[in-house]
Amino acid sequence: MPALLEPVAGRGVDGVSGDGGPARNAALNRPAGLDFDPQGRLYIADTYNHRIRRVVLP
């Protein structure tokens, strides 16, 4: 069975916006990595914005 991928963060344009709002409306700039902490929270390395962004999953 093929895997289905669905974006959980970012809107497909470079930028920096969306802190405190829905992750799908955020603008990231060269996301380069992601990881989960022991509690299952998602973190994204937003490289060109020099930030680590936490994503609240539904």
Protein backbone atom coordinates (compact mmCIF):
# COMPACT_ATOMS: atom_id res chain seq x y z
CA MET A 1 0.00 0.00 0.00
CA PRO A 2 1.47 3.41 -0.94
CA ALA A 3 2.28 5.81 1.86
CA LEU A 4 0.35 9.06 1.98
CA LEU A 5 2.19 12.22 2.96
CA GLU A 6 0.42 15.31 4.21
CA PRO A 7 2.12 18.60 5.10
CA VAL A 8 1.78 19.60 8.75
CA ALA A 9 3.67 22.91 8.62
CA GLY A 10 4.47 25.57 6.08
CA ARG A 11 2.53 27.01 3.19
CA GLY A 12 5.00 26.50 0.38
CA VAL A 13 6.57 29.97 0.29
CA ASP A 14 9.82 31.22 1.80
CA GLY A 15 9.45 33.64 4.69
CA VAL A 16 9.07 33.94 8.41
CA SER A 17 5.57 34.08 9.83
CA GLY A 18 3.07 32.04 11.72
CA ASP A 19 4.41 31.95 15.27
CA GLY A 20 1.47 31.22 17.54
CA GLY A 21 -0.91 30.36 14.71
CA PRO A 22 -1.82 27.29 12.69
CA ALA A 23 1.32 25.48 11.52
CA ARG A 24 -0.07 25.05 7.98
CA ASN A 25 -0.20 28.87 7.64
CA ALA A 26 3.41 29.37 8.72
CA ALA A 27 6.13 30.45 6.31
CA LEU A 28 9.43 28.61 6.73
CA ASN A 29 12.71 29.37 5.00
CA ARG A 30 14.69 26.27 4.05
CA PRO A 31 13.45 23.74 6.60
CA ALA A 32 16.34 21.31 6.80
CA GLY A 33 15.55 18.80 9.50
CA LEU A 34 13.01 17.64 12.01
CA ASP A 35 12.90 15.68 15.22
CA PHE A 36 10.52 14.62 17.96
CA ASP A 37 11.16 15.04 21.67
CA PRO A 38 10.33 12.26 24.17
CA GLN A 39 6.81 13.68 24.61
CA GLY A 40 6.14 13.45 20.85
CA ARG A 41 6.38 17.17 20.05
CA LEU A 42 7.69 17.98 16.56
CA TYR A 43 10.55 20.43 16.01
CA ILE A 44 11.68 21.77 12.62
CA ALA A 45 15.04 23.39 11.87
CA ASP A 46 14.03 26.56 9.98
CA THR A 47 17.54 27.06 8.65
CA TYR A 48 17.57 30.42 6.86
CA ASN A 49 15.47 32.02 9.61
CA HIS A 50 17.92 30.72 12.23
CA ARG A 51 15.13 29.21 14.32
CA ILE A 52 13.93 25.95 15.73
CA ARG A 53 10.15 25.86 15.27
CA ARG A 54 7.87 23.70 17.40
CA VAL A 55 4.78 22.34 15.66
CA VAL A 56 1.66 21.44 17.61
CA LEU A 57 0.23 18.39 15.87
CA PRO A 58 -3.53 17.81 15.72
